[in-house]
């Protein structure tokens, strides 16, 4: 649990830095899936669109992380800016879960 008595820059760093790392990690995984697999339940253009949106989000996260680091953790990110990334990740997780379920063998009877 985070210490709420931390000075604001340290608290911001303790919260925002790992969050940006998580976004990077999950967007990287999503990019890998969308670039290397044919997702049978997505039309090709839908898969391409999702990949483009993930790559755009990766650039945005990278820019936010660079700004955060360049200012020594003195910059926050509005929740309104984080929500589209979160929604996109939720969409990617749903695609990934459905794709994995199609890849696994049916349970034995």
C-alpha atoms as a PDB file:
ATOM      1  CA  UNK A   1       0.000   0.000   0.000  1.00  0.00           C
ATOM      2  CA  UNK A   2       1.225   3.470  -0.822  1.00  0.00           C
ATOM      3  CA  UNK A   3       2.153   5.897   1.916  1.00  0.00           C
ATOM      4  CA  UNK A   4      -0.241   8.844   1.549  1.00  0.00           C
ATOM      5  CA  UNK A   5       2.203  10.964   3.562  1.00  0.00           C
ATOM      6  CA  UNK A   6       4.682  11.002   0.684  1.00  0.00           C
ATOM      7  CA  UNK A   7       5.379  14.435  -0.792  1.00  0.00           C
ATOM      8  CA  UNK A   8       3.313  14.998  -3.935  1.00  0.00           C
ATOM      9  CA  UNK A   9       6.138  14.390  -6.497  1.00  0.00           C
ATOM     10  CA  UNK A  10       7.090  11.068  -4.901  1.00  0.00           C
ATOM     11  CA  UNK A  11       3.442   9.982  -4.670  1.00  0.00           C
ATOM     12  CA  UNK A  12       2.903  10.939  -8.295  1.00  0.00           C
ATOM     13  CA  UNK A  13       6.009   9.002  -9.296  1.00  0.00           C
ATOM     14  CA  UNK A  14       4.935   5.976  -7.234  1.00  0.00           C
ATOM     15  CA  UNK A  15       1.553   5.925  -8.980  1.00  0.00           C
ATOM     16  CA  UNK A  16       2.109   7.194 -12.490  1.00  0.00           C
ATOM     17  CA  UNK A  17       5.403   5.574 -13.403  1.00  0.00           C
ATOM     18  CA  UNK A  18       4.205   1.973 -12.872  1.00  0.00           C
ATOM     19  CA  UNK A  19       0.897   2.777 -14.569  1.00  0.00           C
ATOM     20  CA  UNK A  20       2.689   3.995 -17.696  1.00  0.00           C
ATOM     21  CA  UNK A  21       4.897   0.886 -17.608  1.00  0.00           C
ATOM     22  CA  UNK A  22       1.770  -1.291 -17.424  1.00  0.00           C
ATOM     23  CA  UNK A  23       0.254   0.483 -20.406  1.00  0.00           C
ATOM     24  CA  UNK A  24       3.495  -0.059 -22.349  1.00  0.00           C
ATOM     25  CA  UNK A  25       3.593  -3.745 -21.432  1.00  0.00           C
ATOM     26  CA  UNK A  26      -0.012  -4.484 -22.398  1.00  0.00           C
ATOM     27  CA  UNK A  27       0.096  -2.411 -25.569  1.00  0.00           C
ATOM     28  CA  UNK A  28       3.293  -4.267 -26.596  1.00  0.00           C
ATOM     29  CA  UNK A  29       1.559  -7.609 -26.033  1.00  0.00           C
ATOM     30  CA  UNK A  30      -1.477  -6.451 -27.979  1.00  0.00           C
ATOM     31  CA  UNK A  31       0.690  -5.235 -30.855  1.00  0.00           C
ATOM     32  CA  UNK A  32       2.479  -8.579 -30.948  1.00  0.00           C
ATOM     33  CA  UNK A  33      -0.801 -10.511 -31.066  1.00  0.00           C
ATOM     34  CA  UNK A  34      -2.335  -8.303 -33.742  1.00  0.00           C
ATOM     35  CA  UNK A  35       0.798  -8.346 -35.909  1.00  0.00           C
ATOM     36  CA  UNK A  36       1.522 -12.067 -35.685  1.00  0.00           C
ATOM     37  CA  UNK A  37      -1.875 -13.756 -35.589  1.00  0.00           C
ATOM     38  CA  UNK A  38      -4.872 -13.789 -37.843  1.00  0.00           C
ATOM     39  CA  UNK A  39      -7.814 -13.207 -35.536  1.00  0.00           C
ATOM     40  CA  UNK A  40     -10.603 -15.287 -37.087  1.00  0.00           C
ATOM     41  CA  UNK A  41     -13.505 -13.330 -35.579  1.00  0.00           C
ATOM     42  CA  UNK A  42     -12.168  -9.932 -36.724  1.00  0.00           C
ATOM     43  CA  UNK A  43     -12.380  -8.747 -40.301  1.00  0.00           C
ATOM     44  CA  UNK A  44      -8.956  -7.825 -41.657  1.00  0.00           C
ATOM     45  CA  UNK A  45      -9.790  -4.126 -41.651  1.00  0.00           C
ATOM     46  CA  UNK A  46     -11.032  -4.328 -38.051  1.00  0.00           C
ATOM     47  CA  UNK A  47      -7.804  -6.009 -36.963  1.00  0.00           C
ATOM     48  CA  UNK A  48      -5.780  -3.382 -38.841  1.00  0.00           C
ATOM     49  CA  UNK A  49      -7.828  -0.604 -37.241  1.00  0.00           C
ATOM     50  CA  UNK A  50      -7.323  -2.040 -33.757  1.00  0.00           C
ATOM     51  CA  UNK A  51      -3.581  -2.379 -34.395  1.00  0.00           C
ATOM     52  CA  UNK A  52      -3.399   1.233 -35.605  1.00  0.00           C
ATOM     53  CA  UNK A  53      -5.224   2.442 -32.501  1.00  0.00           C
ATOM     54  CA  UNK A  54      -2.872   0.445 -30.268  1.00  0.00           C
ATOM     55  CA  UNK A  55       0.183   1.873 -32.023  1.00  0.00           C
ATOM     56  CA  UNK A  56      -1.222   5.396 -31.643  1.00  0.00           C
ATOM     57  CA  UNK A  57      -1.803   4.773 -27.946  1.00  0.00           C
ATOM     58  CA  UNK A  58       1.753   3.451 -27.603  1.00  0.00           C
ATOM     59  CA  UNK A  59       3.053   6.719 -29.036  1.00  0.00           C
ATOM     60  CA  UNK A  60       0.859   8.718 -26.672  1.00  0.00           C
ATOM     61  CA  UNK A  61       2.011   6.701 -23.650  1.00  0.00           C
ATOM     62  CA  UNK A  62       5.613   7.103 -24.784  1.00  0.00           C
ATOM     63  CA  UNK A  63       5.177  10.867 -25.061  1.00  0.00           C
ATOM     64  CA  UNK A  64       3.539  11.056 -21.634  1.00  0.00           C
ATOM     65  CA  UNK A  65       6.338   8.973 -20.125  1.00  0.00           C
ATOM     66  CA  UNK A  66       9.022  11.131 -21.772  1.00  0.00           C
ATOM     67  CA  UNK A  67       7.369  14.310 -20.493  1.00  0.00           C
ATOM     68  CA  UNK A  68       7.017  12.808 -17.029  1.00  0.00           C
ATOM     69  CA  UNK A  69      10.706  11.848 -16.977  1.00  0.00           C
ATOM     70  CA  UNK A  70      11.898  15.127 -18.507  1.00  0.00           C
ATOM     71  CA  UNK A  71      10.169  17.086 -15.761  1.00  0.00           C
ATOM     72  CA  UNK A  72      11.470  14.863 -12.989  1.00  0.00           C
ATOM     73  CA  UNK A  73       7.997  13.565 -12.233  1.00  0.00           C
ATOM     74  CA  UNK A  74       6.483  17.022 -11.860  1.00  0.00           C
ATOM     75  CA  UNK A  75       3.735  16.447 -14.435  1.00  0.00           C
ATOM     76  CA  UNK A  76       0.506  14.556 -13.898  1.00  0.00           C
ATOM     77  CA  UNK A  77      -1.830  13.095 -16.500  1.00  0.00           C
ATOM     78  CA  UNK A  78      -5.519  13.898 -16.491  1.00  0.00           C
ATOM     79  CA  UNK A  79      -7.818  10.959 -15.888  1.00  0.00           C
ATOM     80  CA  UNK A  80      -9.596  11.944 -19.092  1.00  0.00           C
ATOM     81  CA  UNK A  81      -6.364  11.195 -20.991  1.00  0.00           C
ATOM     82  CA  UNK A  82      -5.913   7.817 -19.290  1.00  0.00           C
ATOM     83  CA  UNK A  83      -9.459   6.554 -19.883  1.00  0.00           C
ATOM     84  CA  UNK A  84      -9.151   6.018 -23.665  1.00  0.00           C
ATOM     85  CA  UNK A  85      -6.006   3.943 -23.061  1.00  0.00           C
ATOM     86  CA  UNK A  86      -7.790   1.914 -20.429  1.00  0.00           C
ATOM     87  CA  UNK A  87     -10.803   1.344 -22.711  1.00  0.00           C
ATOM     88  CA  UNK A  88      -8.518   0.324 -25.570  1.00  0.00           C
ATOM     89  CA  UNK A  89      -6.718  -2.149 -23.331  1.00  0.00           C
ATOM     90  CA  UNK A  90     -10.035  -3.599 -22.206  1.00  0.00           C
ATOM     91  CA  UNK A  91     -10.942  -4.091 -25.866  1.00  0.00           C
ATOM     92  CA  UNK A  92      -7.572  -5.759 -26.520  1.00  0.00           C
ATOM     93  CA  UNK A  93      -7.963  -8.031 -23.498  1.00  0.00           C
ATOM     94  CA  UNK A  94     -11.381  -9.134 -24.768  1.00  0.00           C
ATOM     95  CA  UNK A  95      -9.957  -9.920 -28.205  1.00  0.00           C
ATOM     96  CA  UNK A  96      -7.037 -11.785 -26.646  1.00  0.00           C
ATOM     97  CA  UNK A  97      -9.250 -13.806 -24.297  1.00  0.00           C
ATOM     98  CA  UNK A  98     -11.607 -14.766 -27.109  1.00  0.00           C
ATOM     99  CA  UNK A  99      -8.680 -15.668 -29.375  1.00  0.00           C
ATOM    100  CA  UNK A 100      -7.115 -17.841 -26.649  1.00  0.00           C
ATOM    101  CA  UNK A 101     -10.435 -19.590 -26.022  1.00  0.00           C
ATOM    102  CA  UNK A 102     -10.571 -20.528 -29.713  1.00  0.00           C
ATOM    103  CA  UNK A 103      -7.013 -21.888 -29.519  1.00  0.00           C
ATOM    104  CA  UNK A 104      -7.573 -24.157 -26.534  1.00  0.00           C
ATOM    105  CA  UNK A 105      -8.898 -27.664 -27.074  1.00  0.00           C
ATOM    106  CA  UNK A 106     -12.441 -28.371 -25.917  1.00  0.00           C
ATOM    107  CA  UNK A 107     -12.679 -29.975 -22.467  1.00  0.00           C
ATOM    108  CA  UNK A 108     -12.691 -33.772 -22.429  1.00  0.00           C
ATOM    109  CA  UNK A 109     -15.953 -35.475 -21.548  1.00  0.00           C
END
